[in-house]
N, C-alpha and C. Protein backbone atom coordinates (compact mmCIF):
# COMPACT_ATOMS: atom_id res chain seq x y z
N UNK A 1 97.64 -8.59 -66.83
CA UNK A 1 97.29 -8.69 -65.53
C UNK A 1 98.04 -8.06 -64.75
N UNK A 2 98.81 -8.04 -64.86
CA UNK A 2 99.81 -6.73 -64.13
C UNK A 2 99.26 -4.93 -64.48
N UNK A 3 98.86 -5.02 -65.49
CA UNK A 3 98.20 -3.49 -65.93
C UNK A 3 97.54 -3.71 -65.24
N UNK A 4 96.39 -4.70 -64.76
CA UNK A 4 95.37 -4.45 -63.74
C UNK A 4 95.46 -4.72 -62.45
N UNK A 5 96.00 -4.76 -61.83
CA UNK A 5 97.18 -4.60 -61.02
C UNK A 5 97.23 -3.34 -60.64
N UNK A 6 98.72 -2.93 -61.45
CA UNK A 6 98.58 -1.52 -61.46
C UNK A 6 97.65 -0.22 -61.72
N UNK A 7 96.88 -0.57 -62.13
CA UNK A 7 94.82 -0.13 -62.08
C UNK A 7 94.19 0.13 -61.23
N UNK A 8 94.50 -1.21 -60.64
CA UNK A 8 93.45 -1.32 -59.39
C UNK A 8 93.66 -1.01 -57.82
N UNK A 9 95.69 -1.07 -57.88
CA UNK A 9 96.46 0.25 -56.85
C UNK A 9 96.03 1.67 -57.25
N UNK A 10 96.51 2.15 -58.69
CA UNK A 10 96.56 3.63 -58.65
C UNK A 10 94.49 4.04 -58.49
N UNK A 11 93.46 3.24 -58.61
CA UNK A 11 92.12 3.48 -57.98
C UNK A 11 92.26 3.56 -56.71
N UNK A 12 92.72 2.72 -56.08
CA UNK A 12 93.12 2.47 -54.41
C UNK A 12 93.11 3.76 -53.83
N UNK A 13 94.72 4.31 -54.87
CA UNK A 13 95.07 5.55 -54.33
C UNK A 13 94.66 6.72 -53.97
N UNK A 14 93.62 6.52 -56.02
CA UNK A 14 92.90 7.75 -56.26
C UNK A 14 91.92 7.53 -55.37
N UNK A 15 91.23 6.72 -54.92
CA UNK A 15 89.69 6.96 -54.09
C UNK A 15 90.52 7.82 -52.61
N UNK A 16 91.65 6.97 -51.63
CA UNK A 16 91.74 6.69 -50.50
C UNK A 16 91.88 8.66 -50.59
N UNK A 17 93.09 9.30 -51.36
CA UNK A 17 93.38 10.75 -51.27
C UNK A 17 92.16 11.67 -51.42
N UNK A 18 90.75 10.84 -51.96
CA UNK A 18 89.45 11.59 -52.18
C UNK A 18 89.06 11.50 -51.05
N UNK A 19 89.06 10.52 -50.36
CA UNK A 19 88.58 10.19 -48.88
C UNK A 19 88.28 11.35 -48.79
N UNK A 20 89.22 12.70 -48.41
CA UNK A 20 89.61 13.22 -47.21
C UNK A 20 88.44 14.71 -47.76
N UNK A 21 88.21 15.69 -46.96
CA UNK A 21 87.79 17.05 -47.10
C UNK A 21 88.35 17.58 -47.80
N UNK A 22 89.75 17.80 -46.92
CA UNK A 22 90.62 18.98 -46.38
C UNK A 22 90.82 19.03 -48.39
N UNK A 23 91.74 17.07 -48.56
CA UNK A 23 92.43 16.78 -50.49
C UNK A 23 91.54 17.30 -51.27
N UNK A 24 89.76 16.83 -51.19
CA UNK A 24 89.15 17.42 -52.18
C UNK A 24 89.05 19.30 -52.40
N UNK A 25 88.76 20.01 -50.82
CA UNK A 25 89.17 21.37 -51.72
C UNK A 25 90.40 21.96 -52.11
N UNK A 26 91.26 21.18 -51.51
CA UNK A 26 92.98 21.03 -52.42
C UNK A 26 92.60 21.39 -53.59
N UNK A 27 92.18 20.30 -54.03
CA UNK A 27 92.17 19.55 -56.06
C UNK A 27 91.25 21.05 -56.47
N UNK A 28 90.35 21.33 -55.46
CA UNK A 28 89.60 22.54 -56.64
C UNK A 28 89.57 24.13 -56.58
N UNK A 29 90.70 23.75 -55.50
CA UNK A 29 91.84 24.97 -55.61
C UNK A 29 92.27 25.35 -57.35
N UNK A 30 92.92 23.84 -56.50
CA UNK A 30 93.87 23.48 -57.87
C UNK A 30 92.88 23.45 -59.14
N UNK A 31 92.32 23.30 -59.65
CA UNK A 31 90.84 22.70 -60.36
C UNK A 31 91.57 24.54 -60.95
N UNK A 32 91.91 25.62 -60.35
CA UNK A 32 91.56 27.01 -61.44
C UNK A 32 93.12 27.42 -61.35
N UNK A 33 94.05 26.41 -61.01
CA UNK A 33 95.41 27.06 -61.38
C UNK A 33 96.80 26.48 -60.78
N UNK A 34 97.60 26.95 -60.91
CA UNK A 34 98.92 26.59 -60.15
C UNK A 34 98.72 27.53 -58.78
N UNK A 35 98.97 26.79 -57.56
CA UNK A 35 98.64 27.69 -56.63
C UNK A 35 100.13 27.11 -55.81
N UNK A 36 100.98 28.14 -54.74
CA UNK A 36 102.35 27.80 -53.98
C UNK A 36 101.67 27.15 -52.64
N UNK A 37 102.31 25.99 -52.60
CA UNK A 37 102.17 25.65 -51.10
C UNK A 37 101.36 26.78 -50.41
N UNK A 38 101.87 27.45 -49.41
CA UNK A 38 101.72 28.36 -48.97
C UNK A 38 100.67 29.23 -48.90
N UNK A 39 99.63 29.72 -50.11
CA UNK A 39 98.67 29.97 -51.02
C UNK A 39 97.13 28.62 -50.55
N UNK A 40 98.47 26.95 -50.69
CA UNK A 40 97.04 26.54 -50.65
C UNK A 40 96.67 25.85 -49.27
N UNK A 41 97.58 26.88 -49.13
CA UNK A 41 97.82 26.34 -46.60
C UNK A 41 96.47 27.16 -45.83
N UNK A 42 96.53 28.76 -46.68
CA UNK A 42 95.73 29.96 -46.02
C UNK A 42 94.15 28.91 -45.90
N UNK A 43 94.04 29.11 -46.48
CA UNK A 43 92.20 28.79 -45.95
C UNK A 43 92.19 27.47 -44.79
N UNK A 44 92.64 27.24 -44.18
CA UNK A 44 92.51 25.88 -44.08
C UNK A 44 92.92 26.29 -42.40
N UNK A 45 92.36 25.54 -41.56
CA UNK A 45 93.03 26.78 -40.06
C UNK A 45 93.66 24.91 -39.10
N UNK A 46 95.00 24.54 -40.08
CA UNK A 46 95.88 23.41 -40.06
C UNK A 46 97.39 23.73 -40.21
N UNK A 47 98.18 23.23 -39.79
CA UNK A 47 99.90 23.76 -39.16
C UNK A 47 100.28 23.14 -41.10
N UNK A 48 101.73 24.33 -41.17
CA UNK A 48 102.10 23.83 -42.56
C UNK A 48 102.65 22.35 -43.26
N UNK A 49 103.15 21.67 -41.63
CA UNK A 49 103.07 20.08 -41.76
C UNK A 49 101.71 19.41 -41.64
N UNK A 50 100.96 19.61 -41.44
CA UNK A 50 99.29 18.70 -41.16
C UNK A 50 98.77 18.80 -43.67
N UNK A 51 99.77 20.14 -43.74
CA UNK A 51 98.96 20.84 -45.04
C UNK A 51 99.82 19.99 -45.71
N UNK A 52 100.83 19.99 -45.51
CA UNK A 52 102.02 19.13 -46.15
C UNK A 52 101.77 17.22 -46.60
N UNK A 53 101.36 17.16 -45.07
CA UNK A 53 101.12 15.37 -45.45
C UNK A 53 99.58 15.22 -46.41
N UNK A 54 98.52 15.84 -46.66
CA UNK A 54 97.40 15.41 -47.45
C UNK A 54 98.59 16.09 -48.82
N UNK A 55 99.54 17.22 -48.38
CA UNK A 55 99.91 17.24 -50.62
C UNK A 55 100.82 15.67 -50.83
N UNK A 56 100.96 15.26 -49.86
CA UNK A 56 102.03 14.02 -50.23
C UNK A 56 100.90 13.00 -50.32
N UNK A 57 100.21 13.18 -49.89
CA UNK A 57 98.80 11.88 -50.26
C UNK A 57 98.60 12.25 -51.61
N UNK A 58 98.07 13.80 -52.02
CA UNK A 58 97.70 13.85 -53.25
C UNK A 58 98.56 13.50 -54.48
N UNK A 59 99.91 13.62 -53.96
CA UNK A 59 101.03 13.39 -54.85
C UNK A 59 101.06 11.97 -55.02
N UNK A 60 101.44 11.32 -54.00
CA UNK A 60 101.11 9.55 -54.20
C UNK A 60 100.36 9.12 -55.08
N UNK A 61 99.73 9.14 -55.14
CA UNK A 61 97.82 9.45 -55.84
C UNK A 61 98.36 10.10 -57.31
N UNK A 62 99.17 10.57 -57.55
CA UNK A 62 99.47 10.99 -58.68
C UNK A 62 98.22 12.30 -59.09
N UNK A 63 97.61 12.88 -58.77
CA UNK A 63 96.27 13.45 -58.20
C UNK A 63 97.13 15.52 -58.27
N UNK A 64 97.99 15.18 -58.36
CA UNK A 64 98.91 16.70 -57.85
C UNK A 64 100.43 16.86 -58.90
N UNK A 65 100.98 17.71 -58.84
CA UNK A 65 102.05 17.71 -59.35
C UNK A 65 103.54 18.45 -58.62
N UNK A 66 104.43 18.62 -59.02
CA UNK A 66 105.55 20.12 -57.84
C UNK A 66 105.83 20.33 -59.30
N UNK A 67 105.70 21.74 -59.59
CA UNK A 67 106.57 23.02 -60.38
C UNK A 67 107.22 23.32 -59.60
N UNK A 68 108.25 23.72 -60.04
CA UNK A 68 109.84 24.88 -59.39
C UNK A 68 109.00 26.23 -60.07
N UNK A 69 109.39 27.24 -59.56
CA UNK A 69 108.81 28.28 -60.33
C UNK A 69 109.81 29.44 -59.64
N UNK A 70 111.00 30.10 -59.86
CA UNK A 70 111.73 30.72 -59.22
C UNK A 70 112.60 30.13 -58.15
N UNK A 71 111.79 30.91 -56.42
CA UNK A 71 112.05 31.39 -55.41
C UNK A 71 109.83 29.94 -54.78
N UNK A 72 109.47 29.63 -55.69
CA UNK A 72 107.83 29.40 -54.96
C UNK A 72 107.78 27.88 -55.58
N UNK A 73 106.52 26.86 -54.69
CA UNK A 73 107.43 25.38 -55.35
C UNK A 73 105.50 25.35 -55.43
N UNK A 74 105.11 25.57 -56.27
CA UNK A 74 103.71 25.26 -56.98
C UNK A 74 103.16 24.27 -57.13
N UNK A 75 102.33 23.18 -57.01
CA UNK A 75 101.70 22.74 -57.45
C UNK A 75 100.15 22.89 -58.21
N UNK A 76 100.19 21.55 -58.96
CA UNK A 76 99.15 21.94 -60.28
C UNK A 76 98.19 19.95 -60.17
N UNK A 77 97.20 20.15 -61.13
CA UNK A 77 96.46 19.40 -60.37
C UNK A 77 97.11 18.42 -61.79
N UNK A 78 95.99 17.01 -61.81
CA UNK A 78 96.84 15.95 -62.39
C UNK A 78 95.77 15.58 -62.88
N UNK A 79 95.49 15.62 -63.94
CA UNK A 79 93.76 15.15 -64.33
C UNK A 79 93.90 13.50 -65.05
N UNK A 80 94.29 12.67 -64.70
CA UNK A 80 94.72 11.19 -65.41
C UNK A 80 93.81 10.57 -64.44
N UNK A 81 94.29 10.33 -63.11
CA UNK A 81 94.10 9.84 -62.29
C UNK A 81 92.76 9.86 -62.02
N UNK A 82 91.78 11.54 -61.48
CA UNK A 82 90.86 11.81 -62.02
C UNK A 82 90.00 10.99 -63.06
N UNK A 83 90.88 10.79 -63.94
CA UNK A 83 90.22 10.47 -65.95
C UNK A 83 89.73 8.86 -64.95
N UNK A 84 90.89 8.08 -64.80
CA UNK A 84 90.11 6.77 -64.49
C UNK A 84 89.34 6.42 -63.87
N UNK A 85 89.22 7.08 -62.55
CA UNK A 85 88.74 6.69 -61.95
C UNK A 85 86.76 6.81 -62.37
N UNK A 86 86.53 8.28 -62.85
CA UNK A 86 85.54 8.46 -63.77
C UNK A 86 85.22 7.59 -64.67
N UNK A 87 86.44 6.61 -65.04
CA UNK A 87 85.39 5.83 -66.22
C UNK A 87 85.35 4.24 -66.05
N UNK A 88 85.57 4.00 -64.01
CA UNK A 88 85.58 3.41 -63.64
C UNK A 88 84.09 3.23 -62.96
N UNK A 89 83.61 5.10 -62.67
CA UNK A 89 82.77 4.83 -61.90
C UNK A 89 80.86 4.83 -62.69
N UNK A 90 81.50 5.53 -64.25
CA UNK A 90 81.21 5.55 -65.48
C UNK A 90 80.43 4.19 -65.82
N UNK A 91 81.14 2.73 -65.77
CA UNK A 91 80.54 1.31 -65.22
C UNK A 91 79.61 1.23 -64.55
N UNK A 92 79.95 2.13 -63.38
CA UNK A 92 78.37 1.44 -62.08
C UNK A 92 77.88 2.15 -62.73
N UNK A 93 77.32 3.08 -63.24
CA UNK A 93 76.64 4.41 -64.12
C UNK A 93 75.58 4.01 -65.06
N UNK A 94 76.91 3.62 -65.86
CA UNK A 94 75.89 2.15 -66.35
C UNK A 94 74.89 0.65 -66.21
N UNK A 95 75.66 0.51 -65.20
CA UNK A 95 74.82 -0.56 -65.31
C UNK A 95 72.98 -0.68 -64.08
N UNK A 96 73.34 0.91 -64.16
CA UNK A 96 71.96 1.03 -62.58
C UNK A 96 71.32 1.17 -64.12
N UNK A 97 71.75 2.40 -65.12
CA UNK A 97 70.73 3.22 -66.37
C UNK A 97 69.92 2.47 -66.13
N UNK A 98 70.73 0.65 -66.81
CA UNK A 98 70.28 -0.40 -67.12
C UNK A 98 68.87 -1.24 -66.32
N UNK A 99 69.41 -1.02 -65.40
CA UNK A 99 68.43 -1.14 -63.65
C UNK A 99 67.41 -0.93 -63.61
N UNK A 100 67.32 1.18 -63.91
CA UNK A 100 66.30 1.32 -64.08
C UNK A 100 65.28 1.64 -64.57
N UNK A 101 66.17 1.55 -66.30
CA UNK A 101 64.94 0.80 -67.22
C UNK A 101 64.07 -0.09 -67.43
N UNK A 102 64.40 -0.97 -66.65
CA UNK A 102 64.05 -1.96 -66.49
C UNK A 102 62.84 -1.91 -65.23
N UNK A 103 63.68 -1.59 -64.67
CA UNK A 103 62.44 -1.07 -63.24
C UNK A 103 61.06 -0.15 -63.82
N UNK A 104 61.80 0.91 -65.37
CA UNK A 104 60.23 1.64 -65.79
C UNK A 104 59.68 0.96 -66.50
N UNK A 105 59.90 0.17 -67.51
CA UNK A 105 59.59 -0.62 -67.99
C UNK A 105 58.42 -1.52 -67.41
N UNK A 106 58.80 -2.54 -66.44
CA UNK A 106 58.17 -2.80 -65.32
C UNK A 106 56.71 -2.40 -64.93
N UNK A 107 57.29 -0.98 -64.11
CA UNK A 107 55.95 -0.01 -64.03
C UNK A 107 54.96 0.13 -64.80
N UNK A 108 55.92 0.43 -65.78
CA UNK A 108 53.84 0.82 -67.28
C UNK A 108 54.05 -0.35 -67.63
N UNK A 109 54.24 -2.16 -68.12
CA UNK A 109 53.40 -2.46 -67.13
C UNK A 109 52.45 -3.63 -66.94
N UNK A 110 52.65 -2.20 -65.23
CA UNK A 110 52.16 -3.46 -64.34
C UNK A 110 50.91 -2.36 -64.53
N UNK A 111 50.19 -1.27 -65.00
CA UNK A 111 50.26 0.66 -64.66
C UNK A 111 49.31 0.25 -66.04
N UNK A 112 49.68 -0.52 -67.11
CA UNK A 112 48.50 -0.75 -68.48
C UNK A 112 48.02 -2.29 -67.28
N UNK A 113 48.24 -3.37 -66.81
CA UNK A 113 47.51 -4.53 -66.55
C UNK A 113 46.50 -4.14 -66.05
N UNK A 114 46.72 -2.84 -64.54
CA UNK A 114 45.84 -2.18 -64.28
C UNK A 114 44.81 -2.01 -64.55
N UNK A 115 44.70 -0.84 -65.49
CA UNK A 115 44.07 -0.54 -66.21
C UNK A 115 42.66 -1.20 -66.05
N UNK A 116 41.40 -0.50 -66.33
CA UNK A 116 39.99 -1.46 -66.45
C UNK A 116 39.45 -1.80 -68.36
N UNK A 117 39.69 -2.64 -68.88
CA UNK A 117 39.20 -2.75 -69.88
C UNK A 117 38.17 -2.19 -70.80
N UNK A 118 38.00 -1.94 -72.47
CA UNK A 118 37.22 -1.45 -72.77
C UNK A 118 35.51 -1.80 -72.68
N UNK A 119 34.61 -1.17 -71.84
CA UNK A 119 33.54 -1.85 -72.14
C UNK A 119 32.62 -2.07 -73.80
N UNK A 120 32.61 -3.31 -73.73
CA UNK A 120 32.52 -4.10 -75.50
C UNK A 120 30.48 -4.04 -75.40
N UNK A 121 30.13 -2.95 -76.24
CA UNK A 121 28.82 -2.36 -76.38
C UNK A 121 27.69 -3.91 -76.71
N UNK A 122 26.56 -3.98 -76.43
CA UNK A 122 26.17 -4.78 -77.00
C UNK A 122 26.03 -4.58 -78.32
N UNK A 123 25.23 -5.37 -78.68
CA UNK A 123 24.00 -5.65 -80.15
C UNK A 123 23.33 -4.33 -80.16
N UNK A 124 23.52 -3.82 -79.20
CA UNK A 124 22.34 -2.18 -79.34
C UNK A 124 22.83 -1.17 -80.03
N UNK A 125 24.18 -1.40 -79.19
CA UNK A 125 24.93 -0.87 -79.00
C UNK A 125 25.16 0.04 -77.87
N UNK A 126 24.57 -0.15 -76.52
CA UNK A 126 25.02 0.42 -75.52
C UNK A 126 25.79 -0.68 -74.51
């Protein structure tokens, strides 16, 4: 039960972090490799403290981690929380695929039931 709660809390943190377009853009940049905080902040028209707040949200969700490289503070993408979120979403994808398959079957049945039945030939072949 505790594992389920932890997983639920992790999913909450992951989806909350992903709800912001700036944080998604940061993750997209980190998907290409480790980046310094200064370089992460460059494309955004916001202050360094604002970027730091976004990074803290991503760190709390476990989506990024920090690395010290000489004088730079780098950030890197952590894929595990995204993998867990994807697995969670896959269950619903399977559910909807099953429903769409049922709907396709029903539509085919309806099409077949509305097709005119072939005319029977009488004894003269007419």
